[in-house]
Amino acid sequence: MSNKSHRINHKVRVSPVRLIGHEGEQVGIVPVEEALKRAESVGMDLVEVSPNSRPPVCRILDYGKFKYEIAKKDKQAKKKQHSLQMKEMRFRPKIDEHDFQFKTKHVREFLLAGNKVKTFVMFRGREMAYQEFGKKVLVRVIEELSDVAVVEQQPKMEGRHMNMVLVPSAEVMREIRKTKAEKVNKKAEEKRKSADHKDTDDTEVLKEVESVENSEQEKI
């Protein structure tokens, strides 16, 4: 449900409601008036979170914070959706073996880097009469990359192009996430070691100062 469609406080008119308290506890089914009083007593809002339930479900919470959390989750979801960049690779219906292997190699590299790849065959002039050649090329691409790719969009004609979309397989994405996590952990470990080294240097300096002071006192 979007932020704008939530009914809050006195806009919640249906009674009774199933109430969830401000600490997440199940209060139970209560008159809406009682729910409002409970919300007011803790300085929070009564928010209808599930209007289609019978009775509707309401929660006592800070509505401003609630909206912020929803917006944050929406942003993260959109970011996740667009995290895969779309690359493109063009093939010809009568491509020679060298070019096919060269282009397929690059598609593999895109996939292993975590990118979607739109692969397409472009038909010129009379080549439109030989669409089956284009499909054979794309099917072969699928077969060549079956160890790293999943077909998101099967080959289909769009104008003079036969397009399909490949995405990295689940195994490839797991490896990418694992590699990223290892890099993050490595950086964190390097920072920790750097901080420990600095603390050690500071300790050594203090020891040297104390040694000099003691030596001076002995001379006196």
N, C-alpha and C. Protein backbone atom coordinates (compact mmCIF):
# COMPACT_ATOMS: atom_id res chain seq x y z
N MET A 1 0.85 -1.20 0.00
CA MET A 1 0.00 0.00 0.00
C MET A 1 0.88 1.23 0.00
N SER A 2 0.58 2.22 -0.78
CA SER A 2 1.38 3.44 -0.85
C SER A 2 1.14 4.29 0.38
N ASN A 3 2.08 5.22 0.64
CA ASN A 3 1.98 6.09 1.81
C ASN A 3 0.68 6.88 1.81
N LYS A 4 0.24 7.38 0.66
CA LYS A 4 -0.91 8.26 0.59
C LYS A 4 -2.21 7.56 0.95
N SER A 5 -2.28 6.25 0.80
CA SER A 5 -3.53 5.55 0.99
C SER A 5 -3.76 5.05 2.41
N HIS A 6 -2.81 5.29 3.30
CA HIS A 6 -3.01 4.87 4.68
C HIS A 6 -4.00 5.80 5.39
N ARG A 7 -4.95 5.21 6.06
CA ARG A 7 -5.82 6.00 6.92
C ARG A 7 -5.20 6.01 8.31
N ILE A 8 -5.14 7.21 8.90
CA ILE A 8 -4.52 7.31 10.22
C ILE A 8 -5.44 8.07 11.17
N ASN A 9 -5.28 7.75 12.46
CA ASN A 9 -5.99 8.41 13.55
C ASN A 9 -7.50 8.47 13.31
N HIS A 10 -8.10 9.67 13.31
CA HIS A 10 -9.56 9.78 13.23
C HIS A 10 -10.10 9.47 11.83
N LYS A 11 -9.22 9.27 10.86
CA LYS A 11 -9.69 8.85 9.53
C LYS A 11 -9.98 7.35 9.49
N VAL A 12 -9.55 6.64 10.53
CA VAL A 12 -9.90 5.22 10.66
C VAL A 12 -11.31 5.16 11.23
N ARG A 13 -12.27 4.77 10.42
CA ARG A 13 -13.68 4.86 10.82
C ARG A 13 -14.30 3.50 11.14
N VAL A 14 -13.74 2.43 10.60
CA VAL A 14 -14.32 1.11 10.83
C VAL A 14 -14.04 0.66 12.26
N SER A 15 -15.03 0.10 12.90
CA SER A 15 -14.88 -0.41 14.26
C SER A 15 -15.63 -1.75 14.37
N PRO A 16 -15.05 -2.73 15.04
CA PRO A 16 -13.77 -2.71 15.76
C PRO A 16 -12.60 -2.92 14.82
N VAL A 17 -11.38 -2.88 15.39
CA VAL A 17 -10.17 -3.13 14.62
C VAL A 17 -9.32 -4.16 15.36
N ARG A 18 -8.49 -4.85 14.61
CA ARG A 18 -7.50 -5.74 15.24
C ARG A 18 -6.26 -4.90 15.48
N LEU A 19 -5.90 -4.72 16.74
CA LEU A 19 -4.86 -3.76 17.10
C LEU A 19 -3.53 -4.43 17.44
N ILE A 20 -2.47 -3.83 16.88
CA ILE A 20 -1.10 -4.21 17.23
C ILE A 20 -0.49 -3.02 17.95
N GLY A 21 0.05 -3.25 19.13
CA GLY A 21 0.58 -2.18 19.95
C GLY A 21 1.88 -1.59 19.42
N HIS A 22 2.35 -0.52 20.08
CA HIS A 22 3.53 0.21 19.60
C HIS A 22 4.83 -0.59 19.76
N GLU A 23 4.79 -1.67 20.54
CA GLU A 23 5.97 -2.52 20.68
C GLU A 23 5.82 -3.82 19.89
N GLY A 24 4.79 -3.86 19.02
CA GLY A 24 4.57 -5.03 18.18
C GLY A 24 3.74 -6.12 18.81
N GLU A 25 3.22 -5.86 20.01
CA GLU A 25 2.42 -6.87 20.69
C GLU A 25 1.00 -6.92 20.14
N GLN A 26 0.40 -8.10 20.15
CA GLN A 26 -0.98 -8.28 19.70
C GLN A 26 -1.93 -7.88 20.83
N VAL A 27 -2.63 -6.78 20.63
CA VAL A 27 -3.59 -6.31 21.64
C VAL A 27 -4.90 -7.08 21.50
N GLY A 28 -5.30 -7.32 20.25
CA GLY A 28 -6.55 -8.03 19.99
C GLY A 28 -7.56 -7.15 19.30
N ILE A 29 -8.81 -7.59 19.29
CA ILE A 29 -9.89 -6.84 18.63
C ILE A 29 -10.50 -5.88 19.64
N VAL A 30 -10.44 -4.59 19.30
CA VAL A 30 -10.94 -3.54 20.21
C VAL A 30 -11.71 -2.50 19.41
N PRO A 31 -12.61 -1.73 20.08
CA PRO A 31 -13.29 -0.63 19.40
C PRO A 31 -12.27 0.39 18.91
N VAL A 32 -12.54 1.04 17.79
CA VAL A 32 -11.59 1.99 17.24
C VAL A 32 -11.33 3.14 18.20
N GLU A 33 -12.34 3.50 19.01
CA GLU A 33 -12.16 4.57 19.99
C GLU A 33 -11.08 4.21 21.01
N GLU A 34 -11.11 2.97 21.45
CA GLU A 34 -10.09 2.51 22.41
C GLU A 34 -8.71 2.50 21.76
N ALA A 35 -8.66 2.08 20.50
CA ALA A 35 -7.38 2.05 19.78
C ALA A 35 -6.79 3.45 19.67
N LEU A 36 -7.65 4.43 19.39
CA LEU A 36 -7.19 5.82 19.30
C LEU A 36 -6.66 6.31 20.64
N LYS A 37 -7.36 5.97 21.72
CA LYS A 37 -6.91 6.40 23.05
C LYS A 37 -5.56 5.80 23.39
N ARG A 38 -5.38 4.54 23.03
CA ARG A 38 -4.10 3.89 23.30
C ARG A 38 -2.96 4.57 22.53
N ALA A 39 -3.24 4.94 21.27
CA ALA A 39 -2.23 5.62 20.46
C ALA A 39 -1.89 6.98 21.05
N GLU A 40 -2.92 7.72 21.45
CA GLU A 40 -2.71 9.06 22.02
C GLU A 40 -1.95 8.98 23.33
N SER A 41 -2.19 7.92 24.09
CA SER A 41 -1.55 7.80 25.41
C SER A 41 -0.04 7.63 25.32
N VAL A 42 0.44 7.13 24.18
CA VAL A 42 1.90 6.96 24.01
C VAL A 42 2.46 7.97 23.01
N GLY A 43 1.63 8.95 22.61
CA GLY A 43 2.09 10.00 21.71
C GLY A 43 2.40 9.53 20.31
N MET A 44 1.66 8.52 19.86
CA MET A 44 1.89 7.99 18.51
C MET A 44 0.60 8.02 17.69
N ASP A 45 0.66 7.43 16.50
CA ASP A 45 -0.48 7.44 15.58
C ASP A 45 -1.11 6.05 15.48
N LEU A 46 -2.40 6.06 15.17
CA LEU A 46 -3.10 4.82 14.85
C LEU A 46 -3.13 4.72 13.33
N VAL A 47 -2.51 3.69 12.78
CA VAL A 47 -2.38 3.56 11.33
C VAL A 47 -3.05 2.27 10.87
N GLU A 48 -3.95 2.41 9.89
CA GLU A 48 -4.62 1.25 9.31
C GLU A 48 -3.67 0.62 8.29
N VAL A 49 -3.10 -0.53 8.62
CA VAL A 49 -2.08 -1.14 7.77
C VAL A 49 -2.65 -2.23 6.86
N SER A 50 -3.82 -2.76 7.21
CA SER A 50 -4.43 -3.81 6.38
C SER A 50 -5.94 -3.60 6.35
N PRO A 51 -6.42 -2.66 5.51
CA PRO A 51 -7.84 -2.31 5.48
C PRO A 51 -8.75 -3.41 4.96
N ASN A 52 -8.20 -4.34 4.18
CA ASN A 52 -9.04 -5.39 3.59
C ASN A 52 -9.25 -6.58 4.50
N SER A 53 -8.55 -6.60 5.63
CA SER A 53 -8.77 -7.69 6.59
C SER A 53 -10.10 -7.45 7.30
N ARG A 54 -10.63 -8.50 7.89
CA ARG A 54 -11.88 -8.40 8.63
C ARG A 54 -11.70 -8.97 10.03
N PRO A 55 -11.63 -8.09 11.06
CA PRO A 55 -11.66 -6.63 10.98
C PRO A 55 -10.33 -6.08 10.46
N PRO A 56 -10.30 -4.81 10.05
CA PRO A 56 -9.06 -4.22 9.56
C PRO A 56 -7.98 -4.20 10.64
N VAL A 57 -6.74 -4.31 10.20
CA VAL A 57 -5.62 -4.33 11.15
C VAL A 57 -5.03 -2.94 11.27
N CYS A 58 -4.87 -2.49 12.51
CA CYS A 58 -4.26 -1.18 12.77
C CYS A 58 -3.06 -1.36 13.69
N ARG A 59 -2.10 -0.47 13.52
CA ARG A 59 -0.91 -0.49 14.38
C ARG A 59 -0.71 0.87 15.01
N ILE A 60 -0.19 0.85 16.21
CA ILE A 60 0.20 2.09 16.88
C ILE A 60 1.68 2.31 16.59
N LEU A 61 1.97 3.44 15.93
CA LEU A 61 3.37 3.70 15.57
C LEU A 61 3.57 5.17 15.24
N ASP A 62 4.83 5.52 15.01
CA ASP A 62 5.19 6.88 14.57
C ASP A 62 5.01 6.91 13.05
N TYR A 63 3.96 7.60 12.58
CA TYR A 63 3.64 7.54 11.15
C TYR A 63 4.73 8.17 10.29
N GLY A 64 5.36 9.23 10.79
CA GLY A 64 6.44 9.85 10.03
C GLY A 64 7.59 8.88 9.80
N LYS A 65 7.97 8.17 10.85
CA LYS A 65 9.04 7.19 10.74
C LYS A 65 8.61 6.03 9.84
N PHE A 66 7.32 5.66 9.95
CA PHE A 66 6.75 4.57 9.16
C PHE A 66 6.85 4.90 7.67
N LYS A 67 6.48 6.12 7.29
CA LYS A 67 6.55 6.54 5.88
C LYS A 67 8.00 6.55 5.39
N TYR A 68 8.90 6.99 6.26
CA TYR A 68 10.32 7.04 5.89
C TYR A 68 10.84 5.63 5.60
N GLU A 69 10.47 4.67 6.45
CA GLU A 69 10.94 3.29 6.27
C GLU A 69 10.40 2.69 4.98
N ILE A 70 9.12 2.98 4.67
CA ILE A 70 8.51 2.48 3.43
C ILE A 70 9.23 3.06 2.22
N ALA A 71 9.49 4.38 2.26
CA ALA A 71 10.18 5.03 1.15
C ALA A 71 11.58 4.46 0.97
N LYS A 72 12.24 4.17 2.10
CA LYS A 72 13.58 3.61 2.07
C LYS A 72 13.59 2.22 1.43
N LYS A 73 12.59 1.40 1.80
CA LYS A 73 12.49 0.05 1.23
C LYS A 73 12.17 0.10 -0.26
N ASP A 74 11.29 1.04 -0.64
CA ASP A 74 10.95 1.20 -2.06
C ASP A 74 12.19 1.57 -2.87
N LYS A 75 12.99 2.47 -2.31
CA LYS A 75 14.20 2.92 -2.99
C LYS A 75 15.18 1.77 -3.16
N GLN A 76 15.31 0.96 -2.09
CA GLN A 76 16.22 -0.19 -2.15
C GLN A 76 15.74 -1.21 -3.17
N ALA A 77 14.41 -1.41 -3.24
CA ALA A 77 13.84 -2.37 -4.19
C ALA A 77 14.10 -1.91 -5.63
N LYS A 78 13.91 -0.60 -5.88
CA LYS A 78 14.15 -0.07 -7.22
C LYS A 78 15.63 -0.16 -7.58
N LYS A 79 16.47 0.10 -6.59
CA LYS A 79 17.91 0.02 -6.83
C LYS A 79 18.31 -1.40 -7.20
N LYS A 80 17.69 -2.36 -6.52
CA LYS A 80 17.97 -3.77 -6.80
C LYS A 80 17.51 -4.15 -8.20
N GLN A 81 16.34 -3.62 -8.59
CA GLN A 81 15.79 -3.93 -9.91
C GLN A 81 16.70 -3.42 -11.02
N HIS A 82 17.32 -2.25 -10.78
CA HIS A 82 18.14 -1.63 -11.83
C HIS A 82 19.63 -1.90 -11.65
N SER A 83 19.96 -2.80 -10.69
CA SER A 83 21.37 -3.05 -10.43
C SER A 83 22.06 -3.77 -11.59
N LEU A 84 21.30 -4.53 -12.37
CA LEU A 84 21.88 -5.20 -13.53
C LEU A 84 21.87 -4.26 -14.72
N GLN A 85 23.04 -3.90 -15.20
CA GLN A 85 23.13 -3.04 -16.37
C GLN A 85 22.85 -3.86 -17.63
N MET A 86 22.24 -3.21 -18.60
CA MET A 86 21.92 -3.89 -19.86
C MET A 86 23.03 -3.63 -20.88
N LYS A 87 23.69 -4.69 -21.29
CA LYS A 87 24.67 -4.62 -22.37
C LYS A 87 24.02 -5.15 -23.64
N GLU A 88 24.63 -4.87 -24.78
CA GLU A 88 24.09 -5.35 -26.05
C GLU A 88 25.18 -6.01 -26.89
N MET A 89 24.77 -7.01 -27.65
CA MET A 89 25.69 -7.64 -28.59
C MET A 89 24.91 -8.00 -29.85
N ARG A 90 25.42 -7.53 -30.99
CA ARG A 90 24.73 -7.75 -32.27
C ARG A 90 25.39 -8.89 -33.05
N PHE A 91 24.54 -9.75 -33.60
CA PHE A 91 25.00 -10.84 -34.46
C PHE A 91 24.37 -10.66 -35.84
N ARG A 92 24.95 -11.33 -36.83
CA ARG A 92 24.37 -11.35 -38.17
C ARG A 92 23.83 -12.76 -38.44
N PRO A 93 22.80 -12.87 -39.29
CA PRO A 93 22.21 -14.19 -39.54
C PRO A 93 23.19 -15.19 -40.15
N LYS A 94 24.16 -14.71 -40.92
CA LYS A 94 25.15 -15.60 -41.53
C LYS A 94 26.55 -15.25 -41.02
N ILE A 95 26.68 -15.24 -39.71
CA ILE A 95 27.94 -14.87 -39.07
C ILE A 95 28.96 -16.00 -39.22
N ASP A 96 30.24 -15.63 -39.44
CA ASP A 96 31.26 -16.68 -39.55
C ASP A 96 31.68 -17.14 -38.15
N GLU A 97 32.35 -18.26 -38.09
CA GLU A 97 32.67 -18.90 -36.81
C GLU A 97 33.55 -18.02 -35.92
N HIS A 98 34.54 -17.37 -36.51
CA HIS A 98 35.44 -16.53 -35.72
C HIS A 98 34.67 -15.40 -35.04
N ASP A 99 33.83 -14.70 -35.80
CA ASP A 99 33.05 -13.60 -35.23
C ASP A 99 32.08 -14.11 -34.17
N PHE A 100 31.48 -15.27 -34.43
CA PHE A 100 30.55 -15.83 -33.46
C PHE A 100 31.25 -16.10 -32.12
N GLN A 101 32.40 -16.73 -32.17
CA GLN A 101 33.13 -17.04 -30.95
C GLN A 101 33.60 -15.77 -30.24
N PHE A 102 34.05 -14.79 -31.03
CA PHE A 102 34.52 -13.52 -30.47
C PHE A 102 33.40 -12.81 -29.73
N LYS A 103 32.23 -12.71 -30.36
CA LYS A 103 31.10 -12.01 -29.75
C LYS A 103 30.53 -12.78 -28.55
N THR A 104 30.47 -14.09 -28.69
CA THR A 104 29.96 -14.91 -27.58
C THR A 104 30.87 -14.81 -26.36
N LYS A 105 32.17 -14.72 -26.60
CA LYS A 105 33.12 -14.55 -25.50
C LYS A 105 32.84 -13.26 -24.73
N HIS A 106 32.55 -12.19 -25.47
CA HIS A 106 32.25 -10.91 -24.82
C HIS A 106 30.92 -10.97 -24.06
N VAL A 107 29.94 -11.66 -24.61
CA VAL A 107 28.68 -11.83 -23.89
C VAL A 107 28.92 -12.55 -22.57
N ARG A 108 29.76 -13.58 -22.60
CA ARG A 108 30.11 -14.31 -21.38
C ARG A 108 30.75 -13.38 -20.35
N GLU A 109 31.66 -12.53 -20.81
CA GLU A 109 32.32 -11.59 -19.90
C GLU A 109 31.32 -10.64 -19.26
N PHE A 110 30.36 -10.15 -20.07
CA PHE A 110 29.32 -9.27 -19.53
C PHE A 110 28.53 -9.98 -18.44
N LEU A 111 28.15 -11.22 -18.70
CA LEU A 111 27.36 -11.99 -17.74
C LEU A 111 28.14 -12.25 -16.46
N LEU A 112 29.40 -12.61 -16.59
CA LEU A 112 30.23 -12.89 -15.41
C LEU A 112 30.48 -11.64 -14.58
N ALA A 113 30.31 -10.47 -15.21
CA ALA A 113 30.43 -9.20 -14.48
C ALA A 113 29.11 -8.80 -13.83
N GLY A 114 28.07 -9.62 -14.05
CA GLY A 114 26.77 -9.34 -13.42
C GLY A 114 25.83 -8.51 -14.25
N ASN A 115 26.03 -8.45 -15.56
CA ASN A 115 25.18 -7.63 -16.42
C ASN A 115 24.15 -8.47 -17.19
N LYS A 116 23.00 -7.85 -17.45
CA LYS A 116 22.08 -8.42 -18.44
C LYS A 116 22.67 -8.19 -19.82
N VAL A 117 22.32 -9.04 -20.76
CA VAL A 117 22.82 -8.84 -22.12
C VAL A 117 21.67 -9.04 -23.11
N LYS A 118 21.42 -7.99 -23.88
CA LYS A 118 20.46 -8.09 -24.98
C LYS A 118 21.24 -8.51 -26.22
N THR A 119 21.01 -9.72 -26.67
CA THR A 119 21.66 -10.20 -27.88
C THR A 119 20.64 -10.19 -29.01
N PHE A 120 21.04 -9.72 -30.16
CA PHE A 120 20.06 -9.62 -31.24
C PHE A 120 20.72 -9.86 -32.60
N VAL A 121 19.89 -10.32 -33.51
CA VAL A 121 20.30 -10.52 -34.90
C VAL A 121 19.61 -9.46 -35.74
N MET A 122 20.39 -8.72 -36.52
CA MET A 122 19.83 -7.68 -37.37
C MET A 122 19.72 -8.20 -38.81
N PHE A 123 18.54 -8.03 -39.38
CA PHE A 123 18.30 -8.48 -40.76
C PHE A 123 18.28 -7.27 -41.70
N ARG A 124 18.98 -7.39 -42.81
CA ARG A 124 19.00 -6.32 -43.81
C ARG A 124 18.35 -6.81 -45.10
N GLY A 125 17.55 -5.93 -45.69
CA GLY A 125 16.96 -6.23 -47.00
C GLY A 125 16.33 -7.60 -47.09
N ARG A 126 16.81 -8.40 -48.02
CA ARG A 126 16.23 -9.71 -48.28
C ARG A 126 16.51 -10.73 -47.17
N GLU A 127 17.38 -10.37 -46.24
CA GLU A 127 17.66 -11.29 -45.13
C GLU A 127 16.43 -11.55 -44.28
N MET A 128 15.43 -10.67 -44.38
CA MET A 128 14.19 -10.85 -43.62
C MET A 128 13.51 -12.17 -43.99
N ALA A 129 13.81 -12.69 -45.17
CA ALA A 129 13.20 -13.95 -45.60
C ALA A 129 13.88 -15.16 -44.96
N TYR A 130 14.97 -14.92 -44.23
CA TYR A 130 15.72 -16.03 -43.64
C TYR A 130 15.83 -15.88 -42.12
N GLN A 131 14.69 -15.61 -41.50
CA GLN A 131 14.69 -15.40 -40.06
C GLN A 131 15.12 -16.64 -39.29
N GLU A 132 14.92 -17.81 -39.89
CA GLU A 132 15.29 -19.04 -39.19
C GLU A 132 16.80 -19.11 -38.93
N PHE A 133 17.60 -18.46 -39.82
CA PHE A 133 19.04 -18.43 -39.61
C PHE A 133 19.38 -17.61 -38.35
N GLY A 134 18.66 -16.51 -38.22
CA GLY A 134 18.88 -15.67 -37.04
C GLY A 134 18.53 -16.40 -35.76
N LYS A 135 17.43 -17.11 -35.79
CA LYS A 135 17.02 -17.84 -34.58
C LYS A 135 18.03 -18.92 -34.23
N LYS A 136 18.58 -19.59 -35.25
CA LYS A 136 19.59 -20.62 -35.00
C LYS A 136 20.82 -20.02 -34.32
N VAL A 137 21.19 -18.80 -34.75
CA VAL A 137 22.34 -18.13 -34.14
C VAL A 137 22.08 -17.89 -32.65
N LEU A 138 20.90 -17.36 -32.33
CA LEU A 138 20.59 -17.05 -30.94
C LEU A 138 20.45 -18.31 -30.09
N VAL A 139 19.86 -19.33 -30.65
CA VAL A 139 19.75 -20.61 -29.93
C VAL A 139 21.14 -21.16 -29.62
N ARG A 140 22.05 -21.00 -30.57
CA ARG A 140 23.42 -21.47 -30.34
C ARG A 140 24.10 -20.65 -29.24
N VAL A 141 23.82 -19.35 -29.21
CA VAL A 141 24.36 -18.51 -28.13
C VAL A 141 23.88 -19.03 -26.78
N ILE A 142 22.59 -19.36 -26.69
CA ILE A 142 22.03 -19.90 -25.45
C ILE A 142 22.77 -21.17 -25.04
N GLU A 143 23.00 -22.05 -26.00
CA GLU A 143 23.67 -23.32 -25.71
C GLU A 143 25.11 -23.09 -25.26
N GLU A 144 25.80 -22.16 -25.92
CA GLU A 144 27.20 -21.88 -25.59
C GLU A 144 27.35 -21.30 -24.18
N LEU A 145 26.33 -20.58 -23.73
CA LEU A 145 26.42 -19.86 -22.46
C LEU A 145 25.52 -20.46 -21.38
N SER A 146 25.07 -21.67 -21.59
CA SER A 146 24.12 -22.29 -20.65
C SER A 146 24.71 -22.47 -19.25
N ASP A 147 26.03 -22.47 -19.13
CA ASP A 147 26.67 -22.64 -17.82
C ASP A 147 26.68 -21.36 -17.00
N VAL A 148 26.44 -20.21 -17.64
CA VAL A 148 26.51 -18.94 -16.91
C VAL A 148 25.27 -18.07 -17.09
N ALA A 149 24.35 -18.47 -17.97
CA ALA A 149 23.23 -17.58 -18.32
C ALA A 149 21.88 -18.27 -18.20
N VAL A 150 20.88 -17.42 -17.97
CA VAL A 150 19.47 -17.84 -17.99
C VAL A 150 18.76 -16.94 -19.00
N VAL A 151 17.88 -17.51 -19.78
CA VAL A 151 17.15 -16.71 -20.78
C VAL A 151 15.99 -15.99 -20.10
N GLU A 152 16.06 -14.67 -20.07
CA GLU A 152 14.97 -13.87 -19.50
C GLU A 152 13.89 -13.60 -20.55
N GLN A 153 14.32 -13.36 -21.79
CA GLN A 153 13.38 -13.16 -22.90
C GLN A 153 13.79 -14.05 -24.06
N GLN A 154 12.90 -14.92 -24.47
CA GLN A 154 13.18 -15.81 -25.59
C GLN A 154 13.29 -15.02 -26.89
N PRO A 155 13.99 -15.55 -27.90
CA PRO A 155 14.13 -14.84 -29.18
C PRO A 155 12.77 -14.48 -29.78
N LYS A 156 12.62 -13.21 -30.16
CA LYS A 156 11.39 -12.78 -30.82
C LYS A 156 11.69 -11.61 -31.75
N MET A 157 10.90 -11.51 -32.81
CA MET A 157 11.10 -10.46 -33.80
C MET A 157 10.52 -9.14 -33.32
N GLU A 158 11.30 -8.08 -33.50
CA GLU A 158 10.87 -6.72 -33.23
C GLU A 158 11.41 -5.86 -34.37
N GLY A 159 10.55 -5.58 -35.35
CA GLY A 159 11.00 -4.86 -36.54
C GLY A 159 11.95 -5.73 -37.34
N ARG A 160 13.15 -5.21 -37.60
CA ARG A 160 14.15 -5.98 -38.34
C ARG A 160 15.15 -6.67 -37.40
N HIS A 161 14.85 -6.68 -36.13
CA HIS A 161 15.73 -7.33 -35.16
C HIS A 161 15.04 -8.54 -34.55
N MET A 162 15.80 -9.60 -34.31
CA MET A 162 15.33 -10.71 -33.50
C MET A 162 16.10 -10.61 -32.18
N ASN A 163 15.37 -10.30 -31.12
CA ASN A 163 16.00 -10.01 -29.84
C ASN A 163 15.79 -11.11 -28.82
N MET A 164 16.75 -11.24 -27.92
CA MET A 164 16.55 -12.04 -26.71
C MET A 164 17.38 -11.40 -25.60
N VAL A 165 17.04 -11.72 -24.36
CA VAL A 165 17.75 -11.15 -23.22
C VAL A 165 18.25 -12.28 -22.33
N LEU A 166 19.54 -12.22 -22.01
CA LEU A 166 20.16 -13.18 -21.11
C LEU A 166 20.52 -12.49 -19.80
N VAL A 167 20.39 -13.20 -18.70
CA VAL A 167 20.79 -12.68 -17.39
C VAL A 167 21.73 -13.70 -16.74
N PRO A 168 22.58 -13.22 -15.82
CA PRO A 168 23.49 -14.16 -15.15
C PRO A 168 22.71 -15.22 -14.38
N SER A 169 23.24 -16.43 -14.35
CA SER A 169 22.60 -17.51 -13.60
C SER A 169 22.70 -17.24 -12.11
N ALA A 170 21.91 -17.95 -11.32
CA ALA A 170 21.93 -17.78 -9.87
C ALA A 170 23.31 -18.08 -9.31
N GLU A 171 23.97 -19.08 -9.86
CA GLU A 171 25.31 -19.44 -9.40
C GLU A 171 26.31 -18.31 -9.66
N VAL A 172 26.22 -17.69 -10.83
CA VAL A 172 27.10 -16.56 -11.15
C VAL A 172 26.87 -15.41 -10.18
N MET A 173 25.59 -15.10 -9.91
CA MET A 173 25.28 -14.00 -9.00
C MET A 173 25.77 -14.30 -7.59
N ARG A 174 25.68 -15.57 -7.16
CA ARG A 174 26.19 -15.93 -5.84
C ARG A 174 27.70 -15.69 -5.77
N GLU A 175 28.41 -16.06 -6.83
CA GLU A 175 29.86 -15.85 -6.86
C GLU A 175 30.21 -14.37 -6.84
N ILE A 176 29.42 -13.56 -7.56
CA ILE A 176 29.66 -12.12 -7.58
C ILE A 176 29.46 -11.53 -6.19
N ARG A 177 28.36 -11.93 -5.53
CA ARG A 177 28.11 -11.44 -4.17
C ARG A 177 29.19 -11.90 -3.20
N LYS A 178 29.64 -13.14 -3.37
CA LYS A 178 30.70 -13.67 -2.51
C LYS A 178 31.98 -12.88 -2.68
N THR A 179 32.33 -12.59 -3.93
CA THR A 179 33.54 -11.82 -4.22
C THR A 179 33.46 -10.42 -3.63
N LYS A 180 32.28 -9.79 -3.78
CA LYS A 180 32.10 -8.44 -3.23
C LYS A 180 32.23 -8.46 -1.72
N ALA A 181 31.63 -9.48 -1.08
CA ALA A 181 31.69 -9.59 0.38
C ALA A 181 33.13 -9.79 0.84
N GLU A 182 33.89 -10.59 0.11
CA GLU A 182 35.29 -10.82 0.45
C GLU A 182 36.10 -9.54 0.35
N LYS A 183 35.81 -8.73 -0.68
CA LYS A 183 36.51 -7.45 -0.84
C LYS A 183 36.20 -6.51 0.31
N VAL A 184 34.90 -6.47 0.70
CA VAL A 184 34.49 -5.61 1.81
C VAL A 184 35.17 -6.05 3.10
N ASN A 185 35.19 -7.36 3.34
CA ASN A 185 35.82 -7.89 4.55
C ASN A 185 37.32 -7.62 4.56
N LYS A 186 37.94 -7.72 3.38
CA LYS A 186 39.38 -7.46 3.27
C LYS A 186 39.70 -6.01 3.61
N LYS A 187 38.87 -5.09 3.08
CA LYS A 187 39.08 -3.67 3.37
C LYS A 187 38.89 -3.39 4.86
N ALA A 188 37.87 -4.02 5.44
CA ALA A 188 37.61 -3.82 6.87
C ALA A 188 38.78 -4.34 7.70
N GLU A 189 39.33 -5.48 7.30
CA GLU A 189 40.48 -6.06 8.00
C GLU A 189 41.71 -5.16 7.88
N GLU A 190 41.91 -4.59 6.68
CA GLU A 190 43.05 -3.69 6.47
C GLU A 190 42.92 -2.43 7.34
N LYS A 191 41.68 -1.91 7.44
CA LYS A 191 41.46 -0.74 8.28
C LYS A 191 41.72 -1.07 9.74
N ARG A 192 41.28 -2.28 10.16
CA ARG A 192 41.48 -2.68 11.55
C ARG A 192 42.97 -2.81 11.86
N LYS A 193 43.71 -3.45 10.92
CA LYS A 193 45.14 -3.61 11.13
C LYS A 193 45.85 -2.26 11.16
N SER A 194 45.38 -1.35 10.29
CA SER A 194 45.97 -0.01 10.26
C SER A 194 45.74 0.71 11.58
N ALA A 195 44.51 0.55 12.12
CA ALA A 195 44.18 1.17 13.40
C ALA A 195 45.01 0.56 14.52
N ASP A 196 45.19 -0.78 14.49
CA ASP A 196 45.99 -1.46 15.51
C ASP A 196 47.44 -1.00 15.43
N HIS A 197 47.93 -0.83 14.20
CA HIS A 197 49.32 -0.39 14.00
C HIS A 197 49.52 1.01 14.55
N LYS A 198 48.53 1.86 14.33
CA LYS A 198 48.60 3.23 14.83
C LYS A 198 48.62 3.24 16.35
N ASP A 199 47.77 2.39 16.95
CA ASP A 199 47.73 2.30 18.41
C ASP A 199 49.07 1.82 18.95
N THR A 200 49.70 0.86 18.24
CA THR A 200 51.00 0.34 18.66
C THR A 200 52.05 1.43 18.58
N ASP A 201 52.03 2.20 17.47
CA ASP A 201 52.99 3.30 17.31
C ASP A 201 52.84 4.31 18.43
N ASP A 202 51.59 4.65 18.77
CA ASP A 202 51.33 5.62 19.83
C ASP A 202 51.87 5.10 21.16
N THR A 203 51.70 3.80 21.41
CA THR A 203 52.18 3.20 22.66
C THR A 203 53.69 3.28 22.74
N GLU A 204 54.36 2.98 21.60
CA GLU A 204 55.82 3.03 21.57
C GLU A 204 56.33 4.44 21.83
N VAL A 205 55.65 5.44 21.26
CA VAL A 205 56.05 6.84 21.49
C VAL A 205 55.94 7.19 22.96
N LEU A 206 54.84 6.79 23.60
CA LEU A 206 54.66 7.07 25.03
C LEU A 206 55.76 6.42 25.86
N LYS A 207 56.13 5.18 25.48
CA LYS A 207 57.19 4.49 26.21
C LYS A 207 58.50 5.24 26.09
N GLU A 208 58.79 5.75 24.87
CA GLU A 208 60.03 6.49 24.64
C GLU A 208 60.05 7.78 25.46
N VAL A 209 58.90 8.47 25.51
CA VAL A 209 58.80 9.71 26.29
C VAL A 209 59.04 9.43 27.76
N GLU A 210 58.39 8.36 28.26
CA GLU A 210 58.56 7.99 29.67
C GLU A 210 60.02 7.65 29.97
N SER A 211 60.68 6.96 29.01
CA SER A 211 62.08 6.57 29.20
C SER A 211 62.98 7.79 29.29
N VAL A 212 62.73 8.76 28.40
CA VAL A 212 63.52 9.99 28.41
C VAL A 212 63.30 10.75 29.70
N GLU A 213 62.04 10.85 30.15
CA GLU A 213 61.73 11.57 31.39
C GLU A 213 62.42 10.91 32.58
N ASN A 214 62.38 9.59 32.63
CA ASN A 214 63.03 8.86 33.73
C ASN A 214 64.53 9.08 33.73
N SER A 215 65.12 9.10 32.50
CA SER A 215 66.56 9.31 32.37
C SER A 215 66.95 10.69 32.86
N GLU A 216 66.13 11.70 32.51
CA GLU A 216 66.40 13.07 32.94
C GLU A 216 66.31 13.18 34.44
N GLN A 217 65.32 12.49 35.04
CA GLN A 217 65.16 12.54 36.50
C GLN A 217 66.35 11.90 37.20
N GLU A 218 66.91 10.81 36.62
CA GLU A 218 68.07 10.15 37.21
C GLU A 218 69.28 11.06 37.20
N LYS A 219 69.43 11.85 36.09
CA LYS A 219 70.55 12.79 36.00
C LYS A 219 70.46 13.84 37.08
N ILE A 220 69.21 14.27 37.36
CA ILE A 220 69.00 15.31 38.37
C ILE A 220 69.33 14.75 39.76
